[in-house]
Amino acid sequence: METKENTSERTLSITKTMPAPVQSVWEYWTKPEHIVKWWGPEGMKTNIVKHDFNIGGGWRFTVEKPDGNTFVSDGTYADIVPNKKLVTSADFKPMTIGVVLKLLFEEDGSKTHVKLHILHPTVAYCQQQKGEGFYKGWDAAFDRLERYLTSEG
């Protein structure tokens, strides 16, 4: 049975250190003109369809694959604390559905530690996502973000 108590068993987490101040990392994660430069897999184009960056506001990005197909990422913002915390529901269709994404941003001088936690609806689904490349996919996204931060900075 799934309970609130087993959230740790349903959560996959990554911590990355970005070579930029927290305000820059926050802006690059939350502003459409920056999101399109690093979101999604390498070599694919990201389009912002909707970006209502407010608690209760929705977001929707499409990513164009080289074969002409697209996949969709969307969700609703549940909590926003500028330069500190971002919580949103998230669907990365067709790969991941019904998760909650929580990001924590911690300033460390000229660097920022970004802690990503993704809560899955069930333990089984969490393990499935882990086995299907969760870490590889998010590591690649963070690598793209880091390259963009250093090329723009």
Protein backbone atom coordinates (compact mmCIF):
# COMPACT_ATOMS: atom_id res chain seq x y z
CA MET A 1 0.00 0.00 0.00
CA GLU A 2 1.23 3.49 -0.87
CA THR A 3 1.32 5.95 2.02
CA LYS A 4 2.73 9.36 2.71
CA GLU A 5 5.28 7.64 4.93
CA ASN A 6 6.98 5.89 2.01
CA THR A 7 7.82 9.08 0.10
CA SER A 8 11.54 8.36 0.41
CA GLU A 9 10.99 5.04 -1.40
CA ARG A 10 9.12 6.85 -4.17
CA THR A 11 11.67 9.65 -4.64
CA LEU A 12 14.69 9.81 -6.91
CA SER A 13 17.16 12.62 -6.18
CA ILE A 14 20.13 14.31 -7.77
CA THR A 15 22.36 17.08 -6.43
CA LYS A 16 24.45 19.13 -8.83
CA THR A 17 26.74 22.10 -8.28
CA MET A 18 26.39 24.78 -10.93
CA PRO A 19 29.28 27.20 -11.56
CA ALA A 20 27.15 30.33 -11.20
CA PRO A 21 25.45 32.40 -8.51
CA VAL A 22 22.00 31.30 -7.38
CA GLN A 23 20.19 34.18 -9.09
CA SER A 24 21.63 33.16 -12.47
CA VAL A 25 20.80 29.49 -12.00
CA TRP A 26 17.28 30.40 -10.89
CA GLU A 27 16.74 32.64 -13.92
CA TYR A 28 18.10 30.03 -16.33
CA TRP A 29 15.72 27.44 -14.83
CA THR A 30 12.64 29.71 -14.77
CA LYS A 31 12.81 32.17 -17.69
CA PRO A 32 11.54 30.97 -21.09
CA GLU A 33 14.35 32.65 -23.06
CA HIS A 34 16.84 30.52 -21.11
CA ILE A 35 14.81 27.32 -20.78
CA VAL A 36 14.71 26.87 -24.58
CA LYS A 37 18.54 26.86 -24.65
CA TRP A 38 19.10 23.84 -22.41
CA TRP A 39 15.83 21.94 -21.66
CA GLY A 40 15.44 18.53 -23.22
CA PRO A 41 17.84 16.09 -24.82
CA GLU A 42 20.89 17.20 -26.79
CA GLY A 43 20.15 18.10 -30.41
CA MET A 44 16.42 18.64 -29.91
CA LYS A 45 14.55 21.94 -30.04
CA THR A 46 12.46 23.05 -27.07
CA ASN A 47 9.44 25.31 -27.55
CA ILE A 48 7.60 27.09 -24.75
CA VAL A 49 3.85 26.69 -25.32
CA LYS A 50 2.78 28.03 -21.92
CA HIS A 51 4.66 29.51 -18.97
CA ASP A 52 2.51 31.03 -16.24
CA PHE A 53 5.20 31.26 -13.57
CA ASN A 54 2.96 31.68 -10.54
CA ILE A 55 1.69 29.31 -7.87
CA GLY A 56 -1.21 27.53 -9.54
CA GLY A 57 0.06 28.55 -12.98
CA GLY A 58 0.78 26.00 -15.67
CA TRP A 59 3.72 25.32 -17.93
CA ARG A 60 3.96 23.34 -21.16
CA PHE A 61 7.05 22.73 -23.26
CA THR A 62 7.33 20.70 -26.43
CA VAL A 63 10.55 19.10 -27.60
CA GLU A 64 11.02 18.33 -31.27
CA LYS A 65 12.78 15.05 -31.97
CA PRO A 66 15.00 14.60 -35.04
CA ASP A 67 12.42 12.20 -36.54
CA GLY A 68 9.81 14.99 -36.56
CA ASN A 69 7.84 13.72 -33.58
CA THR A 70 7.50 15.73 -30.39
CA PHE A 71 7.19 14.98 -26.75
CA VAL A 72 5.47 17.20 -24.21
CA SER A 73 6.47 18.33 -20.74
CA ASP A 74 3.86 20.07 -18.62
CA GLY A 75 2.72 20.71 -15.09
CA THR A 76 1.36 23.16 -12.55
CA TYR A 77 3.45 25.19 -10.11
CA ALA A 78 2.62 24.32 -6.47
CA ASP A 79 5.29 26.38 -4.67
CA ILE A 80 7.73 29.08 -5.73
CA VAL A 81 10.24 30.73 -3.40
CA PRO A 82 12.54 32.86 -5.60
CA ASN A 83 16.16 31.68 -5.62
CA LYS A 84 15.29 28.95 -3.08
CA LYS A 85 12.58 26.47 -4.04
CA LEU A 86 10.40 25.38 -6.95
CA VAL A 87 7.74 22.66 -6.73
CA THR A 88 5.61 21.57 -9.68
CA SER A 89 3.60 18.64 -10.86
CA ALA A 90 5.21 17.22 -13.97
CA ASP A 91 4.44 14.97 -16.88
CA PHE A 92 7.19 14.23 -19.39
CA LYS A 93 5.03 12.48 -21.98
CA PRO A 94 5.39 9.72 -22.93
CA MET A 95 8.29 8.84 -20.60
CA THR A 96 7.11 9.94 -17.15
CA ILE A 97 3.61 10.73 -15.94
CA GLY A 98 2.22 11.98 -12.62
CA VAL A 99 5.33 13.00 -10.72
CA VAL A 100 6.10 15.95 -8.45
CA LEU A 101 9.33 17.77 -9.12
CA LYS A 102 10.94 19.68 -6.24
CA LEU A 103 14.05 21.79 -6.76
CA LEU A 104 16.05 23.38 -3.97
CA PHE A 105 18.65 26.04 -4.79
CA GLU A 106 21.43 26.65 -2.27
CA GLU A 107 23.89 29.50 -2.73
CA ASP A 108 27.54 28.73 -2.06
CA GLY A 109 29.50 31.86 -2.97
CA SER A 110 29.78 31.98 -6.74
CA LYS A 111 28.33 28.46 -7.06
CA THR A 112 24.85 27.01 -6.58
CA HIS A 113 23.91 23.58 -5.32
CA VAL A 114 20.74 22.37 -7.02
CA LYS A 115 18.91 19.51 -5.35
CA LEU A 116 16.32 17.82 -7.55
CA HIS A 117 13.81 15.43 -5.97
CA ILE A 118 11.17 13.69 -8.07
CA LEU A 119 8.34 12.01 -6.19
CA HIS A 120 6.62 9.19 -8.09
CA PRO A 121 3.09 7.95 -7.39
CA THR A 122 4.23 4.43 -6.47
CA VAL A 123 7.40 2.63 -5.42
CA ALA A 124 7.15 0.34 -8.45
CA TYR A 125 6.89 3.29 -10.84
CA CYS A 126 9.85 4.97 -9.14
CA GLN A 127 11.97 1.86 -9.63
CA GLN A 128 10.81 1.55 -13.23
CA GLN A 129 11.84 5.15 -13.94
CA LYS A 130 15.21 4.57 -12.30
CA GLY A 131 15.76 1.52 -14.52
CA GLU A 132 14.71 3.39 -17.66
CA GLY A 133 17.40 6.04 -17.42
CA PHE A 134 16.26 8.63 -14.88
CA TYR A 135 19.80 9.53 -13.81
CA LYS A 136 21.21 9.50 -17.33
CA GLY A 137 18.45 11.81 -18.58
CA TRP A 138 18.65 14.32 -15.75
CA ASP A 139 22.47 14.27 -15.74
CA ALA A 140 22.37 15.21 -19.43
CA ALA A 141 19.94 18.07 -18.73
CA PHE A 142 22.14 19.39 -15.92
CA ASP A 143 25.19 19.12 -18.21
CA ARG A 144 23.38 21.19 -20.85
CA LEU A 145 22.38 23.76 -18.21
CA GLU A 146 25.96 23.98 -16.97
CA ARG A 147 27.33 24.46 -20.49
CA TYR A 148 24.75 27.18 -21.15
CA LEU A 149 25.53 28.91 -17.83
CA THR A 150 29.25 28.96 -18.56
CA SER A 151 28.86 30.05 -22.17
CA GLU A 152 26.52 32.92 -21.25
CA GLY A 153 28.35 33.98 -18.08
